[in-house]
PDB file of N, CA and C in Angstrom:
ATOM      1  N   MET A   1     124.941 122.753  57.375  1.00  0.00           N
ATOM      2  CA  MET A   1     124.847 122.779  58.815  1.00  0.00           C
ATOM      3  C   MET A   1     123.390 122.545  59.203  1.00  0.00           C
ATOM      4  N   ASN A   2     123.164 121.647  60.153  1.00  0.00           N
ATOM      5  CA  ASN A   2     121.815 121.366  60.657  1.00  0.00           C
ATOM      6  C   ASN A   2     121.524 122.262  61.847  1.00  0.00           C
ATOM      7  N   HIS A   3     120.386 122.877  61.817  1.00  0.00           N
ATOM      8  CA  HIS A   3     120.001 123.744  62.914  1.00  0.00           C
ATOM      9  C   HIS A   3     119.146 122.975  63.913  1.00  0.00           C
ATOM     10  N   ILE A   4     119.246 123.334  65.159  1.00  0.00           N
ATOM     11  CA  ILE A   4     118.510 122.666  66.236  1.00  0.00           C
ATOM     12  C   ILE A   4     117.029 123.031  66.204  1.00  0.00           C
ATOM     13  N   VAL A   5     116.659 124.058  65.461  1.00  0.00           N
ATOM     14  CA  VAL A   5     115.281 124.525  65.425  1.00  0.00           C
ATOM     15  C   VAL A   5     114.349 123.417  64.950  1.00  0.00           C
ATOM     16  N   THR A   6     114.768 122.635  63.985  1.00  0.00           N
ATOM     17  CA  THR A   6     113.897 121.568  63.495  1.00  0.00           C
ATOM     18  C   THR A   6     113.672 120.509  64.568  1.00  0.00           C
ATOM     19  N   VAL A   7     114.668 120.220  65.350  1.00  0.00           N
ATOM     20  CA  VAL A   7     114.519 119.253  66.434  1.00  0.00           C
ATOM     21  C   VAL A   7     113.659 119.846  67.550  1.00  0.00           C
ATOM     22  N   GLN A   8     113.828 121.124  67.836  1.00  0.00           N
ATOM     23  CA  GLN A   8     113.068 121.775  68.896  1.00  0.00           C
ATOM     24  C   GLN A   8     111.576 121.723  68.611  1.00  0.00           C
ATOM     25  N   GLU A   9     111.185 121.908  67.365  1.00  0.00           N
ATOM     26  CA  GLU A   9     109.764 121.848  67.011  1.00  0.00           C
ATOM     27  C   GLU A   9     109.197 120.460  67.275  1.00  0.00           C
ATOM     28  N   ALA A  10     109.973 119.433  67.006  1.00  0.00           N
ATOM     29  CA  ALA A  10     109.506 118.068  67.248  1.00  0.00           C
ATOM     30  C   ALA A  10     109.387 117.782  68.739  1.00  0.00           C
ATOM     31  N   VAL A  11     110.294 118.315  69.514  1.00  0.00           N
ATOM     32  CA  VAL A  11     110.270 118.071  70.956  1.00  0.00           C
ATOM     33  C   VAL A  11     109.138 118.846  71.615  1.00  0.00           C
ATOM     34  N   THR A  12     108.978 120.101  71.275  1.00  0.00           N
ATOM     35  CA  THR A  12     107.948 120.912  71.916  1.00  0.00           C
ATOM     36  C   THR A  12     106.550 120.538  71.455  1.00  0.00           C
ATOM     37  N   ALA A  13     106.427 119.782  70.384  1.00  0.00           N
ATOM     38  CA  ALA A  13     105.103 119.336  69.944  1.00  0.00           C
ATOM     39  C   ALA A  13     104.490 118.384  70.965  1.00  0.00           C
ATOM     40  N   PHE A  14     105.324 117.680  71.720  1.00  0.00           N
ATOM     41  CA  PHE A  14     104.840 116.730  72.715  1.00  0.00           C
ATOM     42  C   PHE A  14     104.955 117.269  74.140  1.00  0.00           C
ATOM     43  N   ALA A  15     105.109 118.559  74.294  1.00  0.00           N
ATOM     44  CA  ALA A  15     105.309 119.148  75.616  1.00  0.00           C
ATOM     45  C   ALA A  15     104.131 118.889  76.546  1.00  0.00           C
ATOM     46  N   ASP A  16     102.915 118.840  76.020  1.00  0.00           N
ATOM     47  CA  ASP A  16     101.753 118.586  76.866  1.00  0.00           C
ATOM     48  C   ASP A  16     101.765 117.179  77.448  1.00  0.00           C
ATOM     49  N   PHE A  17     102.395 116.234  76.760  1.00  0.00           N
ATOM     50  CA  PHE A  17     102.415 114.856  77.218  1.00  0.00           C
ATOM     51  C   PHE A  17     103.541 114.583  78.200  1.00  0.00           C
ATOM     52  N   ILE A  18     104.419 115.522  78.399  1.00  0.00           N
ATOM     53  CA  ILE A  18     105.560 115.333  79.296  1.00  0.00           C
ATOM     54  C   ILE A  18     105.149 115.480  80.754  1.00  0.00           C
ATOM     55  N   GLU A  19     104.124 116.241  81.038  1.00  0.00           N
ATOM     56  CA  GLU A  19     103.680 116.474  82.412  1.00  0.00           C
ATOM     57  C   GLU A  19     103.175 115.178  83.042  1.00  0.00           C
ATOM     58  N   PRO A  20     103.412 114.993  84.344  1.00  0.00           N
ATOM     59  CA  PRO A  20     102.916 113.776  85.005  1.00  0.00           C
ATOM     60  C   PRO A  20     101.393 113.819  85.146  1.00  0.00           C
ATOM     61  N   THR A  21     100.806 112.651  85.125  1.00  0.00           N
ATOM     62  CA  THR A  21      99.355 112.558  85.281  1.00  0.00           C
ATOM     63  C   THR A  21      98.993 112.691  86.755  1.00  0.00           C
ATOM     64  N   ASN A  22      97.716 112.850  87.027  1.00  0.00           N
ATOM     65  CA  ASN A  22      97.264 112.932  88.421  1.00  0.00           C
ATOM     66  C   ASN A  22      97.569 111.642  89.178  1.00  0.00           C
ATOM     67  N   ALA A  23      97.439 110.505  88.509  1.00  0.00           N
ATOM     68  CA  ALA A  23      97.740 109.225  89.152  1.00  0.00           C
ATOM     69  C   ALA A  23      99.220 109.138  89.518  1.00  0.00           C
ATOM     70  N   GLU A  24     100.086 109.622  88.631  1.00  0.00           N
ATOM     71  CA  GLU A  24     101.518 109.610  88.933  1.00  0.00           C
ATOM     72  C   GLU A  24     101.849 110.548  90.090  1.00  0.00           C
ATOM     73  N   LEU A  25     101.218 111.717  90.122  1.00  0.00           N
ATOM     74  CA  LEU A  25     101.435 112.652  91.229  1.00  0.00           C
ATOM     75  C   LEU A  25     100.928 112.075  92.547  1.00  0.00           C
ATOM     76  N   ASP A  26      99.800 111.353  92.505  1.00  0.00           N
ATOM     77  CA  ASP A  26      99.284 110.705  93.715  1.00  0.00           C
ATOM     78  C   ASP A  26     100.241 109.622  94.204  1.00  0.00           C
ATOM     79  N   ALA A  27     100.824 108.871  93.267  1.00  0.00           N
ATOM     80  CA  ALA A  27     101.773 107.826  93.643  1.00  0.00           C
ATOM     81  C   ALA A  27     103.027 108.435  94.275  1.00  0.00           C
ATOM     82  N   ILE A  28     103.492 109.552  93.739  1.00  0.00           N
ATOM     83  CA  ILE A  28     104.653 110.228  94.308  1.00  0.00           C
ATOM     84  C   ILE A  28     104.321 110.734  95.707  1.00  0.00           C
ATOM     85  N   GLU A  29     103.133 111.301  95.870  1.00  0.00           N
ATOM     86  CA  GLU A  29     102.714 111.808  97.182  1.00  0.00           C
ATOM     87  C   GLU A  29     102.636 110.665  98.200  1.00  0.00           C
ATOM     88  N   LEU A  30     102.176 109.506  97.758  1.00  0.00           N
ATOM     89  CA  LEU A  30     102.084 108.348  98.645  1.00  0.00           C
ATOM     90  C   LEU A  30     103.470 107.857  99.066  1.00  0.00           C
ATOM     91  N   GLU A  31     104.436 107.947  98.153  1.00  0.00           N
ATOM     92  CA  GLU A  31     105.790 107.471  98.426  1.00  0.00           C
ATOM     93  C   GLU A  31     106.695 108.536  99.041  1.00  0.00           C
ATOM     94  N   MET A  32     106.211 109.748  99.231  1.00  0.00           N
ATOM     95  CA  MET A  32     107.061 110.836  99.717  1.00  0.00           C
ATOM     96  C   MET A  32     107.715 110.547 101.078  1.00  0.00           C
ATOM     97  N   PRO A  33     107.044 109.947 102.068  1.00  0.00           N
ATOM     98  CA  PRO A  33     107.752 109.626 103.321  1.00  0.00           C
ATOM     99  C   PRO A  33     108.941 108.688 103.116  1.00  0.00           C
ATOM    100  N   VAL A  34     108.809 107.739 102.202  1.00  0.00           N
ATOM    101  CA  VAL A  34     109.916 106.824 101.917  1.00  0.00           C
ATOM    102  C   VAL A  34     111.057 107.574 101.243  1.00  0.00           C
ATOM    103  N   ILE A  35     110.727 108.447 100.314  1.00  0.00           N
ATOM    104  CA  ILE A  35     111.739 109.226  99.610  1.00  0.00           C
ATOM    105  C   ILE A  35     112.509 110.102 100.596  1.00  0.00           C
ATOM    106  N   LEU A  36     111.792 110.788 101.474  1.00  0.00           N
ATOM    107  CA  LEU A  36     112.448 111.665 102.448  1.00  0.00           C
ATOM    108  C   LEU A  36     113.309 110.876 103.432  1.00  0.00           C
ATOM    109  N   ALA A  37     112.834 109.698 103.846  1.00  0.00           N
ATOM    110  CA  ALA A  37     113.621 108.864 104.761  1.00  0.00           C
ATOM    111  C   ALA A  37     114.892 108.369 104.069  1.00  0.00           C
ATOM    112  N   ASP A  38     114.788 108.021 102.788  1.00  0.00           N
ATOM    113  CA  ASP A  38     115.976 107.596 102.038  1.00  0.00           C
ATOM    114  C   ASP A  38     116.968 108.743 101.876  1.00  0.00           C
ATOM    115  N   VAL A  39     116.460 109.958 101.684  1.00  0.00           N
ATOM    116  CA  VAL A  39     117.342 111.122 101.581  1.00  0.00           C
ATOM    117  C   VAL A  39     118.070 111.345 102.901  1.00  0.00           C
ATOM    118  N   ASP A  40     117.368 111.195 104.015  1.00  0.00           N
ATOM    119  CA  ASP A  40     118.024 111.326 105.324  1.00  0.00           C
ATOM    120  C   ASP A  40     119.102 110.269 105.517  1.00  0.00           C
ATOM    121  N   LEU A  41     118.824 109.043 105.103  1.00  0.00           N
ATOM    122  CA  LEU A  41     119.825 107.978 105.208  1.00  0.00           C
ATOM    123  C   LEU A  41     121.026 108.282 104.323  1.00  0.00           C
ATOM    124  N   LEU A  42     120.774 108.755 103.131  1.00  0.00           N
ATOM    125  CA  LEU A  42     121.866 109.125 102.234  1.00  0.00           C
ATOM    126  C   LEU A  42     122.691 110.268 102.811  1.00  0.00           C
ATOM    127  N   ASP A  43     122.036 111.243 103.401  1.00  0.00           N
ATOM    128  CA  ASP A  43     122.758 112.346 104.045  1.00  0.00           C
ATOM    129  C   ASP A  43     123.644 111.841 105.178  1.00  0.00           C
ATOM    130  N   ALA A  44     123.123 110.906 105.956  1.00  0.00           N
ATOM    131  CA  ALA A  44     123.912 110.355 107.062  1.00  0.00           C
ATOM    132  C   ALA A  44     125.149 109.630 106.533  1.00  0.00           C
ATOM    133  N   HIS A  45     125.014 108.945 105.412  1.00  0.00           N
ATOM    134  CA  HIS A  45     126.168 108.259 104.820  1.00  0.00           C
ATOM    135  C   HIS A  45     127.147 109.257 104.206  1.00  0.00           C
ATOM    136  N   ILE A  46     126.634 110.301 103.586  1.00  0.00           N
ATOM    137  CA  ILE A  46     127.503 111.295 102.949  1.00  0.00           C
ATOM    138  C   ILE A  46     128.371 112.002 103.982  1.00  0.00           C
ATOM    139  N   ILE A  47     127.813 112.254 105.152  1.00  0.00           N
ATOM    140  CA  ILE A  47     128.578 112.924 106.202  1.00  0.00           C
ATOM    141  C   ILE A  47     129.843 112.150 106.544  1.00  0.00           C
ATOM    142  N   THR A  48     129.794 110.838 106.468  1.00  0.00           N
ATOM    143  CA  THR A  48     130.930 110.011 106.888  1.00  0.00           C
ATOM    144  C   THR A  48     131.901 109.694 105.751  1.00  0.00           C
ATOM    145  N   LEU A  49     131.686 110.235 104.568  1.00  0.00           N
ATOM    146  CA  LEU A  49     132.556 109.884 103.444  1.00  0.00           C
ATOM    147  C   LEU A  49     133.989 110.373 103.612  1.00  0.00           C
ATOM    148  N   ASP A  50     134.169 111.546 104.147  1.00  0.00           N
ATOM    149  CA  ASP A  50     135.508 112.116 104.188  1.00  0.00           C
ATOM    150  C   ASP A  50     136.169 112.037 105.562  1.00  0.00           C
ATOM    151  N   ARG A  51     135.603 111.234 106.448  1.00  0.00           N
ATOM    152  CA  ARG A  51     136.214 111.084 107.765  1.00  0.00           C
ATOM    153  C   ARG A  51     135.874 109.708 108.329  1.00  0.00           C
ATOM    154  N   THR A  52     136.555 109.355 109.376  1.00  0.00           N
ATOM    155  CA  THR A  52     136.257 108.107 110.065  1.00  0.00           C
ATOM    156  C   THR A  52     134.971 108.299 110.870  1.00  0.00           C
ATOM    157  N   PRO A  53     133.993 107.414 110.688  1.00  0.00           N
ATOM    158  CA  PRO A  53     132.721 107.581 111.408  1.00  0.00           C
ATOM    159  C   PRO A  53     132.905 107.482 112.918  1.00  0.00           C
ATOM    160  N   THR A  54     132.312 108.388 113.632  1.00  0.00           N
ATOM    161  CA  THR A  54     132.329 108.370 115.091  1.00  0.00           C
ATOM    162  C   THR A  54     131.120 107.576 115.582  1.00  0.00           C
ATOM    163  N   GLU A  55     131.034 107.405 116.889  1.00  0.00           N
ATOM    164  CA  GLU A  55     129.873 106.721 117.462  1.00  0.00           C
ATOM    165  C   GLU A  55     128.592 107.494 117.163  1.00  0.00           C
ATOM    166  N   LEU A  56     128.666 108.807 117.187  1.00  0.00           N
ATOM    167  CA  LEU A  56     127.507 109.636 116.853  1.00  0.00           C
ATOM    168  C   LEU A  56     127.079 109.416 115.405  1.00  0.00           C
ATOM    169  N   ASP A  57     128.036 109.321 114.495  1.00  0.00           N
ATOM    170  CA  ASP A  57     127.731 109.051 113.092  1.00  0.00           C
ATOM    171  C   ASP A  57     127.066 107.681 112.939  1.00  0.00           C
ATOM    172  N   ALA A  58     127.586 106.703 113.652  1.00  0.00           N
ATOM    173  CA  ALA A  58     127.009 105.359 113.578  1.00  0.00           C
ATOM    174  C   ALA A  58     125.571 105.356 114.081  1.00  0.00           C
ATOM    175  N   ARG A  59     125.305 106.077 115.168  1.00  0.00           N
ATOM    176  CA  ARG A  59     123.931 106.171 115.676  1.00  0.00           C
ATOM    177  C   ARG A  59     123.024 106.891 114.686  1.00  0.00           C
ATOM    178  N   ARG A  60     123.558 107.951 114.075  1.00  0.00           N
ATOM    179  CA  ARG A  60     122.766 108.694 113.089  1.00  0.00           C
ATOM    180  C   ARG A  60     122.387 107.794 111.906  1.00  0.00           C
ATOM    181  N   ILE A  61     123.325 106.979 111.438  1.00  0.00           N
ATOM    182  CA  ILE A  61     123.058 106.066 110.323  1.00  0.00           C
ATOM    183  C   ILE A  61     122.048 105.002 110.743  1.00  0.00           C
ATOM    184  N   ARG A  62     122.203 104.441 111.964  1.00  0.00           N
ATOM    185  CA  ARG A  62     121.246 103.422 112.422  1.00  0.00           C
ATOM    186  C   ARG A  62     119.839 103.991 112.530  1.00  0.00           C
ATOM    187  N   ARG A  63     119.717 105.205 113.090  1.00  0.00           N
ATOM    188  CA  ARG A  63     118.391 105.838 113.211  1.00  0.00           C
ATOM    189  C   ARG A  63     117.792 106.112 111.839  1.00  0.00           C
ATOM    190  N   ALA A  64     118.609 106.599 110.926  1.00  0.00           N
ATOM    191  CA  ALA A  64     118.115 106.889 109.574  1.00  0.00           C
ATOM    192  C   ALA A  64     117.707 105.606 108.869  1.00  0.00           C
ATOM    193  N   ARG A  65     118.473 104.533 109.072  1.00  0.00           N
ATOM    194  CA  ARG A  65     118.120 103.251 108.447  1.00  0.00           C
ATOM    195  C   ARG A  65     116.805 102.719 109.016  1.00  0.00           C
ATOM    196  N   ARG A  66     116.625 102.844 110.345  1.00  0.00           N
ATOM    197  CA  ARG A  66     115.363 102.395 110.959  1.00  0.00           C
ATOM    198  C   ARG A  66     114.178 103.215 110.458  1.00  0.00           C
ATOM    199  N   ARG A  67     114.372 104.542 110.324  1.00  0.00           N
ATOM    200  CA  ARG A  67     113.285 105.379 109.802  1.00  0.00           C
ATOM    201  C   ARG A  67     112.952 105.009 108.363  1.00  0.00           C
ATOM    202  N   ALA A  68     113.979 104.720 107.558  1.00  0.00           N
ATOM    203  CA  ALA A  68     113.743 104.344 106.164  1.00  0.00           C
ATOM    204  C   ALA A  68     112.990 103.015 106.090  1.00  0.00           C
ATOM    205  N   LEU A  69     113.389 102.063 106.907  1.00  0.00           N
ATOM    206  CA  LEU A  69     112.688 100.775 106.904  1.00  0.00           C
ATOM    207  C   LEU A  69     111.253 100.921 107.416  1.00  0.00           C
ATOM    208  N   ALA A  70     111.064 101.733 108.448  1.00  0.00           N
ATOM    209  CA  ALA A  70     109.715 101.955 108.981  1.00  0.00           C
ATOM    210  C   ALA A  70     108.831 102.639 107.940  1.00  0.00           C
ATOM    211  N   ALA A  71     109.395 103.571 107.187  1.00  0.00           N
ATOM    212  CA  ALA A  71     108.618 104.247 106.142  1.00  0.00           C
ATOM    213  C   ALA A  71     108.238 103.267 105.038  1.00  0.00           C
ATOM    214  N   ARG A  72     109.144 102.367 104.697  1.00  0.00           N
ATOM    215  CA  ARG A  72     108.829 101.358 103.668  1.00  0.00           C
ATOM    216  C   ARG A  72     107.734 100.398 104.154  1.00  0.00           C
ATOM    217  N   VAL A  73     107.829  99.985 105.416  1.00  0.00           N
ATOM    218  CA  VAL A  73     106.803  99.093 105.970  1.00  0.00           C
ATOM    219  C   VAL A  73     105.450  99.797 105.992  1.00  0.00           C
ATOM    220  N   ALA A  74     105.429 101.054 106.396  1.00  0.00           N
ATOM    221  CA  ALA A  74     104.170 101.800 106.418  1.00  0.00           C
ATOM    222  C   ALA A  74     103.589 101.939 105.018  1.00  0.00           C
ATOM    223  N   LEU A  75     104.451 102.180 104.032  1.00  0.00           N
ATOM    224  CA  LEU A  75     103.974 102.275 102.647  1.00  0.00           C
ATOM    225  C   LEU A  75     103.402 100.945 102.177  1.00  0.00           C
ATOM    226  N   LEU A  76     104.097  99.852 102.486  1.00  0.00           N
ATOM    227  CA  LEU A  76     103.595  98.535 102.086  1.00  0.00           C
ATOM    228  C   LEU A  76     102.268  98.215 102.759  1.00  0.00           C
ATOM    229  N   ASN A  77     102.136  98.575 104.025  1.00  0.00           N
ATOM    230  CA  ASN A  77     100.876  98.338 104.720  1.00  0.00           C
ATOM    231  C   ASN A  77      99.740  99.160 104.120  1.00  0.00           C
ATOM    232  N   ARG A  78     100.019 100.418 103.773  1.00  0.00           N
ATOM    233  CA  ARG A  78      98.978 101.258 103.160  1.00  0.00           C
ATOM    234  C   ARG A  78      98.567 100.721 101.799  1.00  0.00           C
ATOM    235  N   THR A  79      99.544 100.317 100.980  1.00  0.00           N
ATOM    236  CA  THR A  79      99.203  99.828  99.650  1.00  0.00           C
ATOM    237  C   THR A  79      98.548  98.455  99.709  1.00  0.00           C
ATOM    238  N   ALA A  80      98.934  97.633 100.683  1.00  0.00           N
ATOM    239  CA  ALA A  80      98.293  96.318 100.818  1.00  0.00           C
ATOM    240  C   ALA A  80      96.831  96.475 101.236  1.00  0.00           C
ATOM    241  N   ASP A  81      96.553  97.412 102.129  1.00  0.00           N
ATOM    242  CA  ASP A  81      95.182  97.662 102.539  1.00  0.00           C
ATOM    243  C   ASP A  81      94.345  98.218 101.394  1.00  0.00           C
ATOM    244  N   ALA A  82      94.972  98.987 100.534  1.00  0.00           N
ATOM    245  CA  ALA A  82      94.245  99.594  99.425  1.00  0.00           C
ATOM    246  C   ALA A  82      93.974  98.585  98.312  1.00  0.00           C
ATOM    247  N   THR A  83      94.819  97.561  98.153  1.00  0.00           N
ATOM    248  CA  THR A  83      94.645  96.641  97.044  1.00  0.00           C
ATOM    249  C   THR A  83      93.819  95.413  97.407  1.00  0.00           C
ATOM    250  N   LEU A  84      93.766  95.046  98.675  1.00  0.00           N
ATOM    251  CA  LEU A  84      92.996  93.873  99.068  1.00  0.00           C
ATOM    252  C   LEU A  84      91.571  94.276  99.429  1.00  0.00           C
ATOM    253  N   PRO A  85      90.594  93.614  98.856  1.00  0.00           N
ATOM    254  CA  PRO A  85      89.216  93.975  99.174  1.00  0.00           C
ATOM    255  C   PRO A  85      88.882  93.620 100.621  1.00  0.00           C
ATOM    256  N   GLY A  86      88.350  94.556 101.361  1.00  0.00           N
ATOM    257  CA  GLY A  86      87.971  94.319 102.743  1.00  0.00           C
ATOM    258  C   GLY A  86      89.135  94.271 103.699  1.00  0.00           C
ATOM    259  N   GLY A  87      90.345  94.485 103.218  1.00  0.00           N
ATOM    260  CA  GLY A  87      91.519  94.470 104.080  1.00  0.00           C
ATOM    261  C   GLY A  87      91.942  93.076 104.498  1.00  0.00           C
ATOM    262  N   ALA A  88      91.379  92.042 103.883  1.00  0.00           N
ATOM    263  CA  ALA A  88      91.726  90.671 104.255  1.00  0.00           C
ATOM    264  C   ALA A  88      93.033  90.279 103.587  1.00  0.00           C
ATOM    265  N   ALA A  89      93.810  89.485 104.281  1.00  0.00           N
ATOM    266  CA  ALA A  89      95.096  89.054 103.725  1.00  0.00           C
ATOM    267  C   ALA A  89      94.959  87.700 103.074  1.00  0.00           C
TER     268      ALA A  89
END
């Protein structure tokens, strides 16, 4: 019988490398408005799964979709300004 202890030692040996780096955490922080807007859009869609969507549901989905698109545009504008020297296009 093989025990899991031998595998556990191999996995925990790399535990320090599993943590995200500061650059990865900064990237997540930069993308957080997009992530939250996508979660809101997903929530709006989930609400309508078990029933026929009403006009209120349709408006909620449209607003959530617009917020998600606006968050993506804002993220693209921020990253484009950060990557282009002098902000020139």
